[in-house]
Amino acid sequence: MKNLSSFEKLLFFLNSIFAFFLFASYLIPFIPPKVTATISVLSLSMPILILVNLVCMLFWILKLKKQFFLSLFVLGIGYIYVNAFFQFGKKEPIASDLKLMSYNVRLFNAYKWSKKNDLDKNIYEFINIKSPDIISFQEYYQKKSNSLDYPYKYIKKNWGATTSGQAIFSKYKIFNKGSLDFSHSGNNAIYADIVFKNDTIRIYNIHLQSFSIDKNKENFGQKDTEKLLNRFRTTFSKQETQVKKILEHSSSCTYKTIFMGDFNNTAFSWVYKQLKQGKKDAFIEAGTGFGKSFDYIFPFRIDFILADAKISIEDFTTYDVKYSDHYPIMARINLEK
């Protein structure tokens, strides 16, 4: 430290703080949110902490200072988390059995959250061009008619809603379906058992508890920080209950299962760790870049496709189309025997 200038000493002090918080956030996936709901907020900030530590490490390397070892060490021991944040290479796709898409369509702009016209038509056109075999919609708005031609579908209105909810559309027969009916929540998880060739898969369309905050307003639309933290605590607690219900329900399923949807949390969270057990993250298996799925300044990946370990992921794409506050994601899979 003696050979550092005053500015460099201050920078390294700040670097140490960010390194500590990044290290502490590695523990979050192992701790149920109801135990430490406030600390769980760090899971949302991990992408920022990773980027800050990367910048700090590069700064010290360019300065030829040994202080780069601090961030290098913290990033190194958390390599598995960095891997879930950014993918350097894309898997070369081969022929696949099925194309699966998940898309939070924000009610097809029914209540004019955007001033852009024809967003619903743009979404329909986009989906028809990409032509997924199975698509899970979150924040689906049920209209009398749409231009999506799928012979099989399951639409479930949310608790207390008249026109909005979740939906699963399929080109293949749905022979069984149902809803988990989250208690007193505008969010939900639904499922559909789908026959494909000689196999059967169960699709869970998951929309975990929302934070109900305005990302474009100061302090996310909350009057003070304490109220914002209380909202985070309540949301994390509800997400934990919802995840336990999903896992309990899916544990009795004898088919290959796929969890897909808007988890309203990141790949560094307890809820993600629980849902991913025994499954492959399609982005990690075959994606590239940040996998950003939410339209915000930071690269938040909160939409996922998690497939049974016996399923081969051949390709994964996040589409940069701004027809909603979420980006659609699609995976191509093979059902291995």
Protein backbone atom coordinates (compact mmCIF):
# COMPACT_ATOMS: atom_id res chain seq x y z
CA MET A 1 0.00 0.00 0.00
CA LYS A 2 2.99 2.31 0.51
CA ASN A 3 3.58 2.65 -3.22
CA LEU A 4 -0.01 3.69 -3.91
CA SER A 5 -1.16 7.25 -4.39
CA SER A 6 -3.98 8.67 -2.25
CA PHE A 7 -6.44 8.11 -5.11
CA GLU A 8 -5.29 4.51 -5.56
CA LYS A 9 -5.63 3.85 -1.82
CA LEU A 10 -9.22 5.14 -1.91
CA LEU A 11 -9.95 3.06 -5.00
CA PHE A 12 -8.56 -0.08 -3.41
CA PHE A 13 -10.64 0.57 -0.29
CA LEU A 14 -13.78 0.73 -2.45
CA ASN A 15 -12.56 -2.30 -4.41
CA SER A 16 -12.30 -4.20 -1.10
CA ILE A 17 -15.88 -3.32 -0.18
CA PHE A 18 -17.25 -4.51 -3.54
CA ALA A 19 -15.15 -7.67 -3.30
CA PHE A 20 -16.53 -8.39 0.17
CA PHE A 21 -20.14 -7.96 -0.95
CA LEU A 22 -19.56 -10.17 -3.99
CA PHE A 23 -18.08 -12.87 -1.78
CA ALA A 24 -20.98 -12.56 0.68
CA SER A 25 -23.50 -12.84 -2.16
CA TYR A 26 -22.12 -16.28 -3.07
CA LEU A 27 -23.77 -17.59 0.09
CA ILE A 28 -27.26 -16.32 -0.78
CA PRO A 29 -28.39 -19.32 -2.88
CA PHE A 30 -27.85 -21.55 0.15
CA ILE A 31 -29.97 -19.51 2.55
CA PRO A 32 -33.81 -19.53 2.37
CA PRO A 33 -35.12 -15.96 1.85
CA LYS A 34 -37.38 -16.15 4.90
CA VAL A 35 -34.26 -16.50 7.05
CA THR A 36 -32.41 -13.50 5.64
CA ALA A 37 -34.75 -11.70 3.25
CA THR A 38 -32.84 -8.42 3.45
CA ILE A 39 -29.50 -10.01 2.52
CA SER A 40 -31.24 -11.75 -0.40
CA VAL A 41 -31.38 -8.34 -2.11
CA LEU A 42 -27.70 -8.91 -2.91
CA SER A 43 -28.74 -11.60 -5.40
CA LEU A 44 -30.27 -8.86 -7.55
CA SER A 45 -27.10 -6.79 -7.39
CA MET A 46 -24.65 -9.61 -8.19
CA PRO A 47 -24.41 -8.73 -11.92
CA ILE A 48 -23.32 -5.23 -10.89
CA LEU A 49 -20.85 -6.58 -8.32
CA ILE A 50 -19.30 -8.91 -10.90
CA LEU A 51 -18.90 -6.09 -13.42
CA VAL A 52 -17.40 -3.70 -10.84
CA ASN A 53 -14.86 -6.31 -9.72
CA LEU A 54 -13.94 -7.06 -13.33
CA VAL A 55 -13.33 -3.36 -13.98
CA CYS A 56 -11.26 -3.05 -10.80
CA MET A 57 -9.18 -6.10 -11.70
CA LEU A 58 -8.47 -4.73 -15.19
CA PHE A 59 -7.55 -1.32 -13.74
CA TRP A 60 -4.92 -2.83 -11.41
CA ILE A 61 -3.56 -5.06 -14.17
CA LEU A 62 -3.09 -2.06 -16.46
CA LYS A 63 -1.41 -0.27 -13.55
CA LEU A 64 0.83 -3.33 -13.01
CA LYS A 65 -0.24 -3.41 -9.35
CA LYS A 66 -0.59 -6.60 -7.32
CA GLN A 67 -3.93 -5.33 -5.94
CA PHE A 68 -5.60 -7.03 -8.93
CA PHE A 69 -5.28 -10.32 -7.02
CA LEU A 70 -8.17 -9.34 -4.69
CA SER A 71 -10.84 -9.18 -7.38
CA LEU A 72 -9.21 -12.04 -9.30
CA PHE A 73 -9.44 -14.23 -6.20
CA VAL A 74 -13.09 -13.36 -5.49
CA LEU A 75 -14.11 -13.80 -9.13
CA GLY A 76 -12.13 -17.04 -9.32
CA ILE A 77 -13.79 -18.74 -6.37
CA GLY A 78 -17.16 -17.71 -7.76
CA TYR A 79 -16.45 -18.85 -11.31
CA ILE A 80 -19.64 -20.90 -11.41
CA TYR A 81 -21.63 -17.71 -10.79
CA VAL A 82 -19.75 -15.80 -13.46
CA ASN A 83 -20.54 -18.69 -15.79
CA ALA A 84 -24.26 -18.18 -15.11
CA PHE A 85 -23.84 -14.47 -15.81
CA PHE A 86 -21.95 -14.53 -19.11
CA GLN A 87 -21.29 -17.18 -21.76
CA PHE A 88 -18.23 -16.75 -23.99
CA GLY A 89 -18.97 -19.28 -26.69
CA LYS A 90 -22.12 -20.50 -28.38
CA LYS A 91 -22.74 -24.20 -28.88
CA GLU A 92 -22.96 -25.22 -32.51
CA PRO A 93 -26.62 -26.22 -32.95
CA ILE A 94 -27.65 -29.48 -34.55
CA ALA A 95 -31.05 -30.79 -35.58
CA SER A 96 -33.48 -30.57 -32.66
CA ASP A 97 -36.79 -32.15 -31.77
CA LEU A 98 -38.60 -29.22 -30.24
CA LYS A 99 -38.44 -25.44 -30.06
CA LEU A 100 -39.52 -24.02 -26.69
CA MET A 101 -40.20 -20.32 -26.09
CA SER A 102 -40.97 -18.35 -22.95
CA TYR A 103 -42.24 -14.79 -23.21
CA ASN A 104 -43.62 -12.30 -20.69
CA VAL A 105 -45.71 -10.20 -23.09
CA ARG A 106 -46.86 -7.58 -20.56
CA LEU A 107 -50.52 -8.02 -21.50
CA PHE A 108 -49.79 -7.29 -25.17
CA ASN A 109 -49.78 -3.59 -24.23
CA ALA A 110 -53.51 -3.77 -23.47
CA TYR A 111 -53.27 -0.93 -20.94
CA LYS A 112 -50.88 1.16 -23.03
CA TRP A 113 -47.73 0.92 -20.91
CA SER A 114 -45.99 1.87 -24.16
CA LYS A 115 -47.04 4.61 -26.57
CA LYS A 116 -45.95 2.46 -29.49
CA ASN A 117 -48.82 1.20 -31.60
CA ASP A 118 -49.48 -2.37 -32.71
CA LEU A 119 -47.19 -4.03 -30.15
CA ASP A 120 -49.63 -6.93 -29.94
CA LYS A 121 -49.47 -7.43 -33.72
CA ASN A 122 -45.67 -7.22 -33.58
CA ILE A 123 -45.59 -9.96 -30.95
CA TYR A 124 -47.93 -12.20 -32.96
CA GLU A 125 -45.85 -11.66 -36.10
CA PHE A 126 -42.59 -12.37 -34.26
CA ILE A 127 -43.92 -15.61 -32.78
CA ASN A 128 -45.30 -16.79 -36.10
CA ILE A 129 -41.93 -16.20 -37.76
CA LYS A 130 -39.95 -18.03 -35.05
CA SER A 131 -42.67 -20.70 -34.88
CA PRO A 132 -41.91 -22.35 -31.53
CA ASP A 133 -43.51 -25.74 -31.00
CA ILE A 134 -44.44 -24.85 -27.44
CA ILE A 135 -44.67 -21.37 -25.97
CA SER A 136 -45.30 -20.27 -22.38
CA PHE A 137 -46.80 -16.82 -21.91
CA GLN A 138 -46.61 -14.80 -18.71
CA GLU A 139 -48.85 -11.76 -18.26
CA TYR A 140 -51.00 -13.13 -21.05
CA TYR A 141 -54.03 -11.03 -22.01
CA GLN A 142 -56.93 -13.01 -23.36
CA LYS A 143 -58.52 -11.41 -26.39
CA LYS A 144 -61.46 -12.70 -28.40
CA SER A 145 -59.11 -13.42 -31.26
CA ASN A 146 -55.41 -13.42 -32.11
CA SER A 147 -53.34 -14.48 -35.08
CA LEU A 148 -51.55 -17.36 -33.33
CA ASP A 149 -52.48 -20.67 -34.92
CA TYR A 150 -51.90 -23.35 -32.27
CA PRO A 151 -54.29 -26.32 -32.08
CA TYR A 152 -53.71 -26.93 -28.37
CA LYS A 153 -53.65 -24.35 -25.58
CA TYR A 154 -54.22 -23.92 -21.88
CA ILE A 155 -55.13 -20.46 -20.59
CA LYS A 156 -55.51 -19.82 -16.87
CA LYS A 157 -56.62 -16.49 -15.48
CA ASN A 158 -54.76 -15.24 -12.44
CA TRP A 159 -56.31 -14.94 -9.00
CA GLY A 160 -58.70 -11.97 -8.98
CA ALA A 161 -58.19 -11.25 -12.71
CA THR A 162 -60.80 -11.33 -15.47
CA THR A 163 -58.70 -11.23 -18.64
CA SER A 164 -55.03 -11.71 -17.69
CA GLY A 165 -53.04 -14.72 -16.61
CA GLN A 166 -50.76 -17.37 -18.05
CA ALA A 167 -50.96 -19.60 -21.08
CA ILE A 168 -49.27 -22.55 -22.75
CA PHE A 169 -49.70 -22.93 -26.52
CA SER A 170 -48.62 -26.15 -28.23
CA LYS A 171 -48.48 -27.71 -31.69
CA TYR A 172 -48.69 -31.10 -29.98
CA LYS A 173 -51.51 -32.62 -27.99
CA ILE A 174 -52.05 -31.47 -24.41
CA PHE A 175 -53.71 -34.39 -22.63
CA ASN A 176 -53.46 -33.13 -19.07
CA LYS A 177 -53.18 -29.67 -17.54
CA GLY A 178 -53.57 -27.81 -14.29
CA SER A 179 -52.78 -24.82 -12.12
CA LEU A 180 -50.93 -24.54 -8.82
CA ASP A 181 -52.99 -21.49 -7.81
CA PHE A 182 -50.58 -19.43 -5.72
CA SER A 183 -52.40 -18.09 -2.68
CA HIS A 184 -53.43 -14.41 -2.82
CA SER A 185 -51.10 -13.56 -5.66
CA GLY A 186 -51.39 -12.14 -9.15
CA ASN A 187 -48.66 -14.63 -10.12
CA ASN A 188 -48.97 -18.35 -10.67
CA ALA A 189 -47.54 -21.55 -12.13
CA ILE A 190 -49.45 -23.74 -14.57
CA TYR A 191 -48.48 -26.99 -16.25
CA ALA A 192 -49.33 -29.08 -19.31
CA ASP A 193 -48.49 -32.68 -20.18
CA ILE A 194 -47.67 -32.85 -23.87
CA VAL A 195 -47.31 -35.88 -26.13
CA PHE A 196 -44.45 -35.72 -28.61
CA LYS A 197 -43.82 -38.79 -30.79
CA ASN A 198 -43.45 -41.66 -28.32
CA ASP A 199 -42.52 -39.43 -25.40
CA THR A 200 -44.31 -37.24 -22.90
CA ILE A 201 -43.02 -34.07 -21.30
CA ARG A 202 -44.46 -31.81 -18.65
CA ILE A 203 -44.08 -28.07 -19.14
CA TYR A 204 -44.33 -25.81 -16.10
CA ASN A 205 -45.01 -22.19 -16.99
CA ILE A 206 -43.74 -20.30 -13.93
CA HIS A 207 -44.30 -16.67 -12.99
CA LEU A 208 -42.95 -16.11 -9.48
CA GLN A 209 -44.05 -13.26 -7.26
CA SER A 210 -43.43 -9.85 -8.83
CA PHE A 211 -41.75 -6.94 -7.05
CA SER A 212 -44.36 -4.49 -8.38
CA ILE A 213 -41.89 -1.65 -8.59
CA ASP A 214 -41.40 0.99 -11.27
CA LYS A 215 -37.89 0.68 -12.68
CA ASN A 216 -38.15 4.12 -14.32
CA LYS A 217 -38.88 6.07 -11.13
CA GLU A 218 -36.58 7.29 -8.39
CA ASN A 219 -36.19 4.72 -5.61
CA PHE A 220 -38.28 2.41 -7.85
CA GLY A 221 -41.44 4.35 -7.02
CA GLN A 222 -41.18 3.80 -3.24
CA LYS A 223 -41.31 6.73 -0.82
CA ASP A 224 -38.24 5.68 1.11
CA THR A 225 -35.60 2.96 1.22
CA GLU A 226 -37.19 1.16 4.17
CA LYS A 227 -40.46 0.69 2.28
CA LEU A 228 -38.49 -0.55 -0.73
CA LEU A 229 -36.64 -3.09 1.43
CA ASN A 230 -39.92 -4.22 2.99
CA ARG A 231 -41.32 -4.86 -0.48
CA PHE A 232 -38.22 -6.89 -1.34
CA ARG A 233 -38.54 -8.91 1.88
CA THR A 234 -42.22 -9.67 1.25
CA THR A 235 -41.57 -10.66 -2.36
CA PHE A 236 -38.62 -12.95 -1.54
CA SER A 237 -40.67 -14.63 1.19
CA LYS A 238 -43.59 -15.29 -1.19
CA GLN A 239 -41.22 -16.59 -3.86
CA GLU A 240 -39.83 -19.12 -1.41
CA THR A 241 -43.33 -20.43 -0.62
CA GLN A 242 -44.19 -20.60 -4.32
CA VAL A 243 -41.00 -22.48 -5.23
CA LYS A 244 -41.63 -25.06 -2.50
CA LYS A 245 -45.12 -25.60 -3.91
CA ILE A 246 -43.73 -26.10 -7.42
CA LEU A 247 -41.11 -28.58 -6.27
CA GLU A 248 -43.61 -30.53 -4.19
CA HIS A 249 -46.01 -30.74 -7.14
CA SER A 250 -43.36 -31.71 -9.69
CA SER A 251 -41.79 -34.35 -7.43
CA SER A 252 -44.60 -36.80 -8.20
CA CYS A 253 -44.34 -36.37 -11.98
CA THR A 254 -42.93 -39.40 -13.83
CA TYR A 255 -42.34 -37.51 -17.09
CA LYS A 256 -39.37 -35.40 -18.11
CA THR A 257 -40.09 -31.92 -16.82
CA ILE A 258 -39.17 -28.44 -18.00
CA PHE A 259 -39.44 -25.29 -15.89
CA MET A 260 -39.74 -22.14 -17.94
CA GLY A 261 -40.93 -18.61 -17.37
CA ASP A 262 -40.33 -15.37 -15.52
CA PHE A 263 -38.77 -16.14 -12.14
CA ASN A 264 -38.54 -12.47 -11.11
CA ASN A 265 -35.12 -13.29 -9.68
CA THR A 266 -31.63 -13.93 -10.96
CA ALA A 267 -29.44 -16.99 -11.45
CA PHE A 268 -27.70 -16.06 -8.17
CA SER A 269 -30.77 -16.54 -5.99
CA TRP A 270 -32.07 -19.24 -3.68
CA VAL A 271 -35.18 -19.76 -5.83
CA TYR A 272 -33.08 -20.40 -8.95
CA LYS A 273 -30.81 -22.84 -7.13
CA GLN A 274 -33.82 -24.81 -5.90
CA LEU A 275 -35.56 -24.95 -9.27
CA LYS A 276 -32.36 -25.86 -11.12
CA GLN A 277 -31.62 -28.97 -9.07
CA GLY A 278 -31.48 -31.94 -11.47
CA LYS A 279 -31.95 -29.65 -14.46
CA LYS A 280 -29.91 -27.90 -17.15
CA ASP A 281 -30.04 -24.15 -17.66
CA ALA A 282 -30.52 -23.72 -21.42
CA PHE A 283 -28.56 -20.45 -21.41
CA ILE A 284 -25.54 -22.03 -19.71
CA GLU A 285 -25.71 -25.06 -21.99
CA ALA A 286 -26.04 -23.29 -25.34
CA GLY A 287 -26.34 -19.51 -24.93
CA THR A 288 -23.95 -16.64 -25.48
CA GLY A 289 -23.28 -13.18 -24.03
CA PHE A 290 -25.12 -11.87 -20.96
CA GLY A 291 -28.46 -13.51 -21.70
CA LYS A 292 -30.17 -10.30 -20.56
CA SER A 293 -33.92 -10.92 -20.54
CA PHE A 294 -35.27 -7.80 -18.82
CA ASP A 295 -35.23 -4.35 -20.39
CA TYR A 296 -33.11 -2.46 -17.87
CA ILE A 297 -29.75 -0.69 -17.85
CA PHE A 298 -28.11 -3.65 -16.08
CA PRO A 299 -27.98 -7.13 -17.67
CA PHE A 300 -30.58 -8.90 -15.55
CA ARG A 301 -31.42 -12.48 -16.59
CA ILE A 302 -34.68 -13.34 -14.86
CA ASP A 303 -36.37 -15.48 -17.54
CA PHE A 304 -35.29 -19.10 -17.74
CA ILE A 305 -35.71 -22.44 -19.45
CA LEU A 306 -34.56 -25.26 -17.16
CA ALA A 307 -34.79 -28.71 -18.74
CA ASP A 308 -34.62 -32.19 -17.25
CA ALA A 309 -31.06 -33.53 -17.07
CA LYS A 310 -31.97 -36.25 -19.60
CA ILE A 311 -32.86 -33.64 -22.23
CA SER A 312 -30.17 -32.34 -24.59
CA ILE A 313 -30.09 -28.55 -25.12
CA GLU A 314 -28.96 -27.81 -28.68
CA ASP A 315 -29.44 -24.05 -28.89
CA PHE A 316 -30.55 -21.06 -26.83
CA THR A 317 -31.34 -17.53 -27.98
CA THR A 318 -32.50 -14.34 -26.31
CA TYR A 319 -34.21 -12.13 -28.89
CA ASP A 320 -33.55 -8.40 -28.66
CA VAL A 321 -37.06 -7.24 -29.57
CA LYS A 322 -38.62 -4.52 -27.46
CA TYR A 323 -42.30 -5.41 -27.63
CA SER A 324 -42.48 -5.88 -23.84
CA ASP A 325 -40.31 -5.13 -20.81
CA HIS A 326 -39.02 -8.71 -21.19
CA TYR A 327 -37.21 -10.28 -24.12
CA PRO A 328 -38.43 -13.61 -25.49
CA ILE A 329 -36.14 -16.60 -24.99
CA MET A 330 -36.11 -19.83 -27.00
CA ALA A 331 -34.35 -23.17 -26.65
CA ARG A 332 -34.04 -26.05 -29.12
CA ILE A 333 -33.98 -29.43 -27.43
CA ASN A 334 -33.60 -33.14 -28.13
CA LEU A 335 -35.39 -35.69 -26.00
CA GLU A 336 -32.68 -38.24 -25.33
CA LYS A 337 -33.77 -41.84 -24.78
